[in-house]
Amino acid sequence: MSAKAMEDLTAVVPTDDFHALEEKIYRTIELLKEAREAKAAAERTAARLREQLESHDDQTQALRAENVALRREREEVRTRVEKMLKQIDTLTQEESGA
């Protein structure tokens, strides 16, 4: 601000009011800086959480696939055990009848 403009402003606005206004402007600037820093921190946190979410999604998909494979394997084992039990029953019946 030029000296002439400053003199004009001082003539219109009393010095105490000018200093109060100046303080308010500086406080507003500080609040703006803090808000920008908080926004940047929030954006970093959001990015970190998105990465974690994607990682958890990948883990969830892997666990689901493993779960399906284990169920399939359990069903195969159940079928084989039932087949063996039938064979044992057949052998036991043959021994009883013989």
PDB file of N, CA and C in Angstrom:
ATOM      1  N   MET A   1       0.849  -1.154   0.000  1.00  0.00           N
ATOM      2  CA  MET A   1       0.000   0.000   0.000  1.00  0.00           C
ATOM      3  C   MET A   1       0.903   1.228   0.000  1.00  0.00           C
ATOM      4  N   SER A   2       0.595   2.193  -0.822  1.00  0.00           N
ATOM      5  CA  SER A   2       1.429   3.385  -0.928  1.00  0.00           C
ATOM      6  C   SER A   2       1.255   4.274   0.304  1.00  0.00           C
ATOM      7  N   ALA A   3       2.211   5.149   0.514  1.00  0.00           N
ATOM      8  CA  ALA A   3       2.153   6.059   1.667  1.00  0.00           C
ATOM      9  C   ALA A   3       0.960   6.982   1.556  1.00  0.00           C
ATOM     10  N   LYS A   4       0.669   7.442   0.354  1.00  0.00           N
ATOM     11  CA  LYS A   4      -0.480   8.346   0.130  1.00  0.00           C
ATOM     12  C   LYS A   4      -1.788   7.634   0.475  1.00  0.00           C
ATOM     13  N   ALA A   5      -1.928   6.405   0.016  1.00  0.00           N
ATOM     14  CA  ALA A   5      -3.143   5.641   0.318  1.00  0.00           C
ATOM     15  C   ALA A   5      -3.247   5.395   1.811  1.00  0.00           C
ATOM     16  N   MET A   6      -2.110   5.147   2.454  1.00  0.00           N
ATOM     17  CA  MET A   6      -2.095   4.907   3.896  1.00  0.00           C
ATOM     18  C   MET A   6      -2.551   6.167   4.636  1.00  0.00           C
ATOM     19  N   GLU A   7      -2.093   7.335   4.189  1.00  0.00           N
ATOM     20  CA  GLU A   7      -2.496   8.596   4.815  1.00  0.00           C
ATOM     21  C   GLU A   7      -3.991   8.811   4.634  1.00  0.00           C
ATOM     22  N   ASP A   8      -4.489   8.533   3.424  1.00  0.00           N
ATOM     23  CA  ASP A   8      -5.917   8.693   3.164  1.00  0.00           C
ATOM     24  C   ASP A   8      -6.737   7.769   4.060  1.00  0.00           C
ATOM     25  N   LEU A   9      -6.261   6.519   4.201  1.00  0.00           N
ATOM     26  CA  LEU A   9      -6.969   5.544   5.025  1.00  0.00           C
ATOM     27  C   LEU A   9      -6.938   5.966   6.482  1.00  0.00           C
ATOM     28  N   THR A  10      -5.800   6.466   6.942  1.00  0.00           N
ATOM     29  CA  THR A  10      -5.664   6.892   8.325  1.00  0.00           C
ATOM     30  C   THR A  10      -6.567   8.087   8.604  1.00  0.00           C
ATOM     31  N   ALA A  11      -6.705   8.950   7.619  1.00  0.00           N
ATOM     32  CA  ALA A  11      -7.578  10.109   7.803  1.00  0.00           C
ATOM     33  C   ALA A  11      -9.030   9.679   7.931  1.00  0.00           C
ATOM     34  N   VAL A  12      -9.418   8.627   7.222  1.00  0.00           N
ATOM     35  CA  VAL A  12     -10.807   8.171   7.248  1.00  0.00           C
ATOM     36  C   VAL A  12     -11.065   7.274   8.450  1.00  0.00           C
ATOM     37  N   VAL A  13     -10.131   6.376   8.751  1.00  0.00           N
ATOM     38  CA  VAL A  13     -10.308   5.398   9.825  1.00  0.00           C
ATOM     39  C   VAL A  13      -9.395   5.783  10.989  1.00  0.00           C
ATOM     40  N   PRO A  14      -9.936   5.936  12.192  1.00  0.00           N
ATOM     41  CA  PRO A  14      -9.080   6.238  13.340  1.00  0.00           C
ATOM     42  C   PRO A  14      -8.033   5.147  13.535  1.00  0.00           C
ATOM     43  N   THR A  15      -6.889   5.499  14.093  1.00  0.00           N
ATOM     44  CA  THR A  15      -5.758   4.592  14.248  1.00  0.00           C
ATOM     45  C   THR A  15      -6.126   3.346  15.042  1.00  0.00           C
ATOM     46  N   ASP A  16      -6.874   3.479  16.117  1.00  0.00           N
ATOM     47  CA  ASP A  16      -7.261   2.316  16.936  1.00  0.00           C
ATOM     48  C   ASP A  16      -8.119   1.347  16.127  1.00  0.00           C
ATOM     49  N   ASP A  17      -9.046   1.891  15.357  1.00  0.00           N
ATOM     50  CA  ASP A  17      -9.896   1.039  14.534  1.00  0.00           C
ATOM     51  C   ASP A  17      -9.064   0.347  13.452  1.00  0.00           C
ATOM     52  N   PHE A  18      -8.102   1.086  12.912  1.00  0.00           N
ATOM     53  CA  PHE A  18      -7.244   0.513  11.882  1.00  0.00           C
ATOM     54  C   PHE A  18      -6.431  -0.646  12.443  1.00  0.00           C
ATOM     55  N   HIS A  19      -5.880  -0.476  13.655  1.00  0.00           N
ATOM     56  CA  HIS A  19      -5.100  -1.554  14.269  1.00  0.00           C
ATOM     57  C   HIS A  19      -5.980  -2.761  14.594  1.00  0.00           C
ATOM     58  N   ALA A  20      -7.193  -2.510  15.020  1.00  0.00           N
ATOM     59  CA  ALA A  20      -8.120  -3.610  15.303  1.00  0.00           C
ATOM     60  C   ALA A  20      -8.439  -4.364  14.021  1.00  0.00           C
ATOM     61  N   LEU A  21      -8.663  -3.618  12.941  1.00  0.00           N
ATOM     62  CA  LEU A  21      -8.936  -4.245  11.654  1.00  0.00           C
ATOM     63  C   LEU A  21      -7.723  -5.035  11.176  1.00  0.00           C
ATOM     64  N   GLU A  22      -6.554  -4.452  11.353  1.00  0.00           N
ATOM     65  CA  GLU A  22      -5.312  -5.127  10.957  1.00  0.00           C
ATOM     66  C   GLU A  22      -5.141  -6.435  11.727  1.00  0.00           C
ATOM     67  N   GLU A  23      -5.417  -6.435  13.005  1.00  0.00           N
ATOM     68  CA  GLU A  23      -5.329  -7.646  13.824  1.00  0.00           C
ATOM     69  C   GLU A  23      -6.326  -8.701  13.345  1.00  0.00           C
ATOM     70  N   LYS A  24      -7.519  -8.268  13.028  1.00  0.00           N
ATOM     71  CA  LYS A  24      -8.527  -9.204  12.527  1.00  0.00           C
ATOM     72  C   LYS A  24      -8.076  -9.832  11.207  1.00  0.00           C
ATOM     73  N   ILE A  25      -7.474  -9.026  10.364  1.00  0.00           N
ATOM     74  CA  ILE A  25      -6.985  -9.549   9.083  1.00  0.00           C
ATOM     75  C   ILE A  25      -5.884 -10.568   9.319  1.00  0.00           C
ATOM     76  N   TYR A  26      -4.943 -10.255  10.231  1.00  0.00           N
ATOM     77  CA  TYR A  26      -3.868 -11.208  10.521  1.00  0.00           C
ATOM     78  C   TYR A  26      -4.412 -12.502  11.131  1.00  0.00           C
ATOM     79  N   ARG A  27      -5.396 -12.365  12.012  1.00  0.00           N
ATOM     80  CA  ARG A  27      -6.006 -13.578  12.586  1.00  0.00           C
ATOM     81  C   ARG A  27      -6.705 -14.393  11.511  1.00  0.00           C
ATOM     82  N   THR A  28      -7.367 -13.715  10.593  1.00  0.00           N
ATOM     83  CA  THR A  28      -8.035 -14.405   9.484  1.00  0.00           C
ATOM     84  C   THR A  28      -7.019 -15.139   8.619  1.00  0.00           C
ATOM     85  N   ILE A  29      -5.888 -14.494   8.370  1.00  0.00           N
ATOM     86  CA  ILE A  29      -4.824 -15.131   7.583  1.00  0.00           C
ATOM     87  C   ILE A  29      -4.316 -16.378   8.300  1.00  0.00           C
ATOM     88  N   GLU A  30      -4.100 -16.285   9.602  1.00  0.00           N
ATOM     89  CA  GLU A  30      -3.636 -17.437  10.379  1.00  0.00           C
ATOM     90  C   GLU A  30      -4.674 -18.562  10.358  1.00  0.00           C
ATOM     91  N   LEU A  31      -5.946 -18.196  10.495  1.00  0.00           N
ATOM     92  CA  LEU A  31      -7.003 -19.211  10.441  1.00  0.00           C
ATOM     93  C   LEU A  31      -7.034 -19.885   9.077  1.00  0.00           C
ATOM     94  N   LEU A  32      -6.827 -19.112   8.026  1.00  0.00           N
ATOM     95  CA  LEU A  32      -6.794 -19.679   6.676  1.00  0.00           C
ATOM     96  C   LEU A  32      -5.627 -20.652   6.531  1.00  0.00           C
ATOM     97  N   LYS A  33      -4.454 -20.258   7.058  1.00  0.00           N
ATOM     98  CA  LYS A  33      -3.285 -21.152   7.007  1.00  0.00           C
ATOM     99  C   LYS A  33      -3.572 -22.447   7.758  1.00  0.00           C
ATOM    100  N   GLU A  34      -4.159 -22.320   8.946  1.00  0.00           N
ATOM    101  CA  GLU A  34      -4.477 -23.509   9.744  1.00  0.00           C
ATOM    102  C   GLU A  34      -5.492 -24.393   9.023  1.00  0.00           C
ATOM    103  N   ALA A  35      -6.474 -23.763   8.409  1.00  0.00           N
ATOM    104  CA  ALA A  35      -7.492 -24.530   7.680  1.00  0.00           C
ATOM    105  C   ALA A  35      -6.866 -25.274   6.505  1.00  0.00           C
ATOM    106  N   ARG A  36      -5.951 -24.627   5.805  1.00  0.00           N
ATOM    107  CA  ARG A  36      -5.281 -25.285   4.681  1.00  0.00           C
ATOM    108  C   ARG A  36      -4.419 -26.448   5.161  1.00  0.00           C
ATOM    109  N   GLU A  37      -3.722 -26.255   6.278  1.00  0.00           N
ATOM    110  CA  GLU A  37      -2.920 -27.341   6.839  1.00  0.00           C
ATOM    111  C   GLU A  37      -3.808 -28.501   7.277  1.00  0.00           C
ATOM    112  N   ALA A  38      -4.940 -28.180   7.897  1.00  0.00           N
ATOM    113  CA  ALA A  38      -5.867 -29.226   8.327  1.00  0.00           C
ATOM    114  C   ALA A  38      -6.437 -29.964   7.124  1.00  0.00           C
ATOM    115  N   LYS A  39      -6.726 -29.225   6.057  1.00  0.00           N
ATOM    116  CA  LYS A  39      -7.245 -29.858   4.842  1.00  0.00           C
ATOM    117  C   LYS A  39      -6.201 -30.799   4.246  1.00  0.00           C
ATOM    118  N   ALA A  40      -4.952 -30.337   4.192  1.00  0.00           N
ATOM    119  CA  ALA A  40      -3.882 -31.178   3.643  1.00  0.00           C
ATOM    120  C   ALA A  40      -3.700 -32.441   4.492  1.00  0.00           C
ATOM    121  N   ALA A  41      -3.757 -32.278   5.813  1.00  0.00           N
ATOM    122  CA  ALA A  41      -3.630 -33.440   6.705  1.00  0.00           C
ATOM    123  C   ALA A  41      -4.794 -34.402   6.496  1.00  0.00           C
ATOM    124  N   ALA A  42      -5.995 -33.868   6.345  1.00  0.00           N
ATOM    125  CA  ALA A  42      -7.174 -34.713   6.123  1.00  0.00           C
ATOM    126  C   ALA A  42      -7.065 -35.452   4.789  1.00  0.00           C
ATOM    127  N   GLU A  43      -6.548 -34.776   3.777  1.00  0.00           N
ATOM    128  CA  GLU A  43      -6.380 -35.432   2.474  1.00  0.00           C
ATOM    129  C   GLU A  43      -5.339 -36.545   2.550  1.00  0.00           C
ATOM    130  N   ARG A  44      -4.252 -36.311   3.312  1.00  0.00           N
ATOM    131  CA  ARG A  44      -3.249 -37.377   3.487  1.00  0.00           C
ATOM    132  C   ARG A  44      -3.850 -38.564   4.222  1.00  0.00           C
ATOM    133  N   THR A  45      -4.627 -38.278   5.260  1.00  0.00           N
ATOM    134  CA  THR A  45      -5.273 -39.350   6.024  1.00  0.00           C
ATOM    135  C   THR A  45      -6.251 -40.119   5.139  1.00  0.00           C
ATOM    136  N   ALA A  46      -7.028 -39.401   4.343  1.00  0.00           N
ATOM    137  CA  ALA A  46      -7.987 -40.058   3.449  1.00  0.00           C
ATOM    138  C   ALA A  46      -7.264 -40.949   2.444  1.00  0.00           C
ATOM    139  N   ALA A  47      -6.144 -40.473   1.908  1.00  0.00           N
ATOM    140  CA  ALA A  47      -5.384 -41.276   0.948  1.00  0.00           C
ATOM    141  C   ALA A  47      -4.845 -42.535   1.613  1.00  0.00           C
ATOM    142  N   ARG A  48      -4.332 -42.385   2.845  1.00  0.00           N
ATOM    143  CA  ARG A  48      -3.804 -43.549   3.576  1.00  0.00           C
ATOM    144  C   ARG A  48      -4.917 -44.551   3.855  1.00  0.00           C
ATOM    145  N   LEU A  49      -6.082 -44.056   4.244  1.00  0.00           N
ATOM    146  CA  LEU A  49      -7.207 -44.948   4.533  1.00  0.00           C
ATOM    147  C   LEU A  49      -7.714 -45.642   3.273  1.00  0.00           C
ATOM    148  N   ARG A  50      -7.682 -44.930   2.126  1.00  0.00           N
ATOM    149  CA  ARG A  50      -8.078 -45.568   0.862  1.00  0.00           C
ATOM    150  C   ARG A  50      -7.130 -46.717   0.535  1.00  0.00           C
ATOM    151  N   GLU A  51      -5.828 -46.493   0.742  1.00  0.00           N
ATOM    152  CA  GLU A  51      -4.851 -47.557   0.480  1.00  0.00           C
ATOM    153  C   GLU A  51      -5.101 -48.752   1.389  1.00  0.00           C
ATOM    154  N   GLN A  52      -5.382 -48.482   2.658  1.00  0.00           N
ATOM    155  CA  GLN A  52      -5.670 -49.568   3.593  1.00  0.00           C
ATOM    156  C   GLN A  52      -6.935 -50.308   3.184  1.00  0.00           C
ATOM    157  N   LEU A  53      -7.939 -49.581   2.758  1.00  0.00           N
ATOM    158  CA  LEU A  53      -9.188 -50.203   2.328  1.00  0.00           C
ATOM    159  C   LEU A  53      -8.960 -51.105   1.123  1.00  0.00           C
ATOM    160  N   GLU A  54      -8.183 -50.623   0.160  1.00  0.00           N
ATOM    161  CA  GLU A  54      -7.880 -51.443  -1.012  1.00  0.00           C
ATOM    162  C   GLU A  54      -7.121 -52.700  -0.602  1.00  0.00           C
ATOM    163  N   SER A  55      -6.188 -52.546   0.324  1.00  0.00           N
ATOM    164  CA  SER A  55      -5.433 -53.704   0.807  1.00  0.00           C
ATOM    165  C   SER A  55      -6.363 -54.702   1.491  1.00  0.00           C
ATOM    166  N   HIS A  56      -7.283 -54.188   2.302  1.00  0.00           N
ATOM    167  CA  HIS A  56      -8.230 -55.080   2.983  1.00  0.00           C
ATOM    168  C   HIS A  56      -9.170 -55.745   1.985  1.00  0.00           C
ATOM    169  N   ASP A  57      -9.543 -55.013   0.945  1.00  0.00           N
ATOM    170  CA  ASP A  57     -10.394 -55.613  -0.092  1.00  0.00           C
ATOM    171  C   ASP A  57      -9.670 -56.772  -0.771  1.00  0.00           C
ATOM    172  N   ASP A  58      -8.378 -56.578  -1.056  1.00  0.00           N
ATOM    173  CA  ASP A  58      -7.590 -57.650  -1.670  1.00  0.00           C
ATOM    174  C   ASP A  58      -7.509 -58.857  -0.744  1.00  0.00           C
ATOM    175  N   GLN A  59      -7.277 -58.586   0.532  1.00  0.00           N
ATOM    176  CA  GLN A  59      -7.200 -59.681   1.507  1.00  0.00           C
ATOM    177  C   GLN A  59      -8.538 -60.403   1.621  1.00  0.00           C
ATOM    178  N   THR A  60      -9.622 -59.646   1.603  1.00  0.00           N
ATOM    179  CA  THR A  60     -10.953 -60.239   1.695  1.00  0.00           C
ATOM    180  C   THR A  60     -11.213 -61.153   0.506  1.00  0.00           C
ATOM    181  N   GLN A  61     -10.860 -60.695  -0.693  1.00  0.00           N
ATOM    182  CA  GLN A  61     -11.048 -61.515  -1.886  1.00  0.00           C
ATOM    183  C   GLN A  61     -10.235 -62.806  -1.789  1.00  0.00           C
ATOM    184  N   ALA A  62      -8.991 -62.687  -1.317  1.00  0.00           N
ATOM    185  CA  ALA A  62      -8.140 -63.864  -1.181  1.00  0.00           C
ATOM    186  C   ALA A  62      -8.733 -64.843  -0.165  1.00  0.00           C
ATOM    187  N   LEU A  63      -9.230 -64.321   0.941  1.00  0.00           N
ATOM    188  CA  LEU A  63      -9.829 -65.179   1.966  1.00  0.00           C
ATOM    189  C   LEU A  63     -11.109 -65.854   1.462  1.00  0.00           C
ATOM    190  N   ARG A  64     -11.882 -65.132   0.681  1.00  0.00           N
ATOM    191  CA  ARG A  64     -13.095 -65.737   0.112  1.00  0.00           C
ATOM    192  C   ARG A  64     -12.732 -66.881  -0.837  1.00  0.00           C
ATOM    193  N   ALA A  65     -11.730 -66.657  -1.666  1.00  0.00           N
ATOM    194  CA  ALA A  65     -11.302 -67.712  -2.589  1.00  0.00           C
ATOM    195  C   ALA A  65     -10.786 -68.921  -1.813  1.00  0.00           C
ATOM    196  N   GLU A  66     -10.020 -68.659  -0.765  1.00  0.00           N
ATOM    197  CA  GLU A  66      -9.512 -69.757   0.058  1.00  0.00           C
ATOM    198  C   GLU A  66     -10.660 -70.498   0.737  1.00  0.00           C
ATOM    199  N   ASN A  67     -11.654 -69.771   1.194  1.00  0.00           N
ATOM    200  CA  ASN A  67     -12.819 -70.371   1.840  1.00  0.00           C
ATOM    201  C   ASN A  67     -13.557 -71.300   0.867  1.00  0.00           C
ATOM    202  N   VAL A  68     -13.745 -70.839  -0.364  1.00  0.00           N
ATOM    203  CA  VAL A  68     -14.418 -71.658  -1.374  1.00  0.00           C
ATOM    204  C   VAL A  68     -13.604 -72.931  -1.628  1.00  0.00           C
ATOM    205  N   ALA A  69     -12.286 -72.786  -1.756  1.00  0.00           N
ATOM    206  CA  ALA A  69     -11.425 -73.953  -2.003  1.00  0.00           C
ATOM    207  C   ALA A  69     -11.498 -74.939  -0.841  1.00  0.00           C
ATOM    208  N   LEU A  70     -11.484 -74.418   0.384  1.00  0.00           N
ATOM    209  CA  LEU A  70     -11.558 -75.299   1.552  1.00  0.00           C
ATOM    210  C   LEU A  70     -12.908 -76.011   1.648  1.00  0.00           C
ATOM    211  N   ARG A  71     -13.969 -75.336   1.317  1.00  0.00           N
ATOM    212  CA  ARG A  71     -15.289 -75.990   1.323  1.00  0.00           C
ATOM    213  C   ARG A  71     -15.351 -77.101   0.277  1.00  0.00           C
ATOM    214  N   ARG A  72     -14.791 -76.811  -0.880  1.00  0.00           N
ATOM    215  CA  ARG A  72     -14.767 -77.812  -1.941  1.00  0.00           C
ATOM    216  C   ARG A  72     -13.950 -79.029  -1.480  1.00  0.00           C
ATOM    217  N   GLU A  73     -12.803 -78.771  -0.877  1.00  0.00           N
ATOM    218  CA  GLU A  73     -11.955 -79.857  -0.393  1.00  0.00           C
ATOM    219  C   GLU A  73     -12.669 -80.651   0.706  1.00  0.00           C
ATOM    220  N   ARG A  74     -13.364 -79.944   1.602  1.00  0.00           N
ATOM    221  CA  ARG A  74     -14.103 -80.625   2.674  1.00  0.00           C
ATOM    222  C   ARG A  74     -15.176 -81.537   2.089  1.00  0.00           C
ATOM    223  N   GLU A  75     -15.844 -81.059   1.056  1.00  0.00           N
ATOM    224  CA  GLU A  75     -16.887 -81.862   0.419  1.00  0.00           C
ATOM    225  C   GLU A  75     -16.280 -83.109  -0.220  1.00  0.00           C
ATOM    226  N   GLU A  76     -15.118 -82.956  -0.841  1.00  0.00           N
ATOM    227  CA  GLU A  76     -14.441 -84.114  -1.442  1.00  0.00           C
ATOM    228  C   GLU A  76     -14.037 -85.123  -0.374  1.00  0.00           C
ATOM    229  N   VAL A  77     -13.510 -84.634   0.740  1.00  0.00           N
ATOM    230  CA  VAL A  77     -13.113 -85.525   1.835  1.00  0.00           C
ATOM    231  C   VAL A  77     -14.343 -86.227   2.401  1.00  0.00           C
ATOM    232  N   ARG A  78     -15.445 -85.494   2.562  1.00  0.00           N
ATOM    233  CA  ARG A  78     -16.671 -86.087   3.079  1.00  0.00           C
ATOM    234  C   ARG A  78     -17.142 -87.222   2.162  1.00  0.00           C
ATOM    235  N   THR A  79     -17.099 -86.983   0.857  1.00  0.00           N
ATOM    236  CA  THR A  79     -17.525 -87.996  -0.107  1.00  0.00           C
ATOM    237  C   THR A  79     -16.637 -89.231   0.007  1.00  0.00           C
ATOM    238  N   ARG A  80     -15.329 -89.015   0.117  1.00  0.00           N
ATOM    239  CA  ARG A  80     -14.404 -90.160   0.213  1.00  0.00           C
ATOM    240  C   ARG A  80     -14.614 -90.936   1.514  1.00  0.00           C
ATOM    241  N   VAL A  81     -14.854 -90.220   2.614  1.00  0.00           N
ATOM    242  CA  VAL A  81     -15.078 -90.881   3.904  1.00  0.00           C
ATOM    243  C   VAL A  81     -16.371 -91.687   3.855  1.00  0.00           C
ATOM    244  N   GLU A  82     -17.411 -91.114   3.274  1.00  0.00           N
ATOM    245  CA  GLU A  82     -18.676 -91.847   3.156  1.00  0.00           C
ATOM    246  C   GLU A  82     -18.499 -93.099   2.315  1.00  0.00           C
ATOM    247  N   LYS A  83     -17.715 -93.008   1.269  1.00  0.00           N
ATOM    248  CA  LYS A  83     -17.455 -94.176   0.419  1.00  0.00           C
ATOM    249  C   LYS A  83     -16.723 -95.259   1.205  1.00  0.00           C
ATOM    250  N   MET A  84     -15.724 -94.850   1.997  1.00  0.00           N
ATOM    251  CA  MET A  84     -14.980 -95.824   2.808  1.00  0.00           C
ATOM    252  C   MET A  84     -15.887 -96.459   3.863  1.00  0.00           C
ATOM    253  N   LEU A  85     -16.763 -95.650   4.477  1.00  0.00           N
ATOM    254  CA  LEU A  85     -17.680 -96.185   5.487  1.00  0.00           C
ATOM    255  C   LEU A  85     -18.639 -97.204   4.876  1.00  0.00           C
ATOM    256  N   LYS A  86     -19.096 -96.947   3.665  1.00  0.00           N
ATOM    257  CA  LYS A  86     -19.965 -97.904   2.981  1.00  0.00           C
ATOM    258  C   LYS A  86     -19.218 -99.207   2.720  1.00  0.00           C
ATOM    259  N   GLN A  87     -17.957 -99.085   2.314  1.00  0.00           N
ATOM    260  CA  GLN A  87     -17.160-100.294   2.076  1.00  0.00           C
ATOM    261  C   GLN A  87     -16.971-101.067   3.371  1.00  0.00           C
ATOM    262  N   ILE A  88     -16.739-100.342   4.472  1.00  0.00           N
ATOM    263  CA  ILE A  88     -16.586-101.018   5.773  1.00  0.00           C
ATOM    264  C   ILE A  88     -17.898-101.685   6.164  1.00  0.00           C
ATOM    265  N   ASP A  89     -19.003-101.013   5.958  1.00  0.00           N
ATOM    266  CA  ASP A  89     -20.310-101.604   6.260  1.00  0.00           C
ATOM    267  C   ASP A  89     -20.528-102.863   5.431  1.00  0.00           C
ATOM    268  N   THR A  90     -20.158-102.797   4.147  1.00  0.00           N
ATOM    269  CA  THR A  90     -20.314-103.958   3.265  1.00  0.00           C
ATOM    270  C   THR A  90     -19.466-105.115   3.777  1.00  0.00           C
ATOM    271  N   LEU A  91     -18.230-104.846   4.141  1.00  0.00           N
ATOM    272  CA  LEU A  91     -17.348-105.897   4.660  1.00  0.00           C
ATOM    273  C   LEU A  91     -17.874-106.460   5.977  1.00  0.00           C
ATOM    274  N   THR A  92     -18.379-105.602   6.841  1.00  0.00           N
ATOM    275  CA  THR A  92     -18.907-106.033   8.135  1.00  0.00           C
ATOM    276  C   THR A  92     -20.146-106.907   7.924  1.00  0.00           C
ATOM    277  N   GLN A  93     -20.990-106.539   6.979  1.00  0.00           N
ATOM    278  CA  GLN A  93     -22.200-107.318   6.708  1.00  0.00           C
ATOM    279  C   GLN A  93     -21.829-108.677   6.111  1.00  0.00           C
ATOM    280  N   GLU A  94     -20.818-108.695   5.270  1.00  0.00           N
ATOM    281  CA  GLU A  94     -20.399-109.955   4.662  1.00  0.00           C
ATOM    282  C   GLU A  94     -19.854-110.900   5.745  1.00  0.00           C
ATOM    283  N   GLU A  95     -19.122-110.343   6.696  1.00  0.00           N
ATOM    284  CA  GLU A  95     -18.566-111.175   7.770  1.00  0.00           C
ATOM    285  C   GLU A  95     -19.702-111.697   8.668  1.00  0.00           C
ATOM    286  N   SER A  96     -20.699-110.852   8.909  1.00  0.00           N
ATOM    287  CA  SER A  96     -21.820-111.265   9.746  1.00  0.00           C
ATOM    288  C   SER A  96     -22.654-112.334   9.064  1.00  0.00           C
ATOM    289  N   GLY A  97     -22.807-112.210   7.776  1.00  0.00           N
ATOM    290  CA  GLY A  97     -23.631-113.140   7.022  1.00  0.00           C
ATOM    291  C   GLY A  97     -22.874-114.422   6.676  1.00  0.00           C
ATOM    292  N   ALA A  98     -21.589-114.399   6.683  1.00  0.00           N
ATOM    293  CA  ALA A  98     -20.839-115.575   6.272  1.00  0.00           C
ATOM    294  C   ALA A  98     -20.665-116.592   7.324  1.00  0.00           C
TER     295      ALA A  98
END
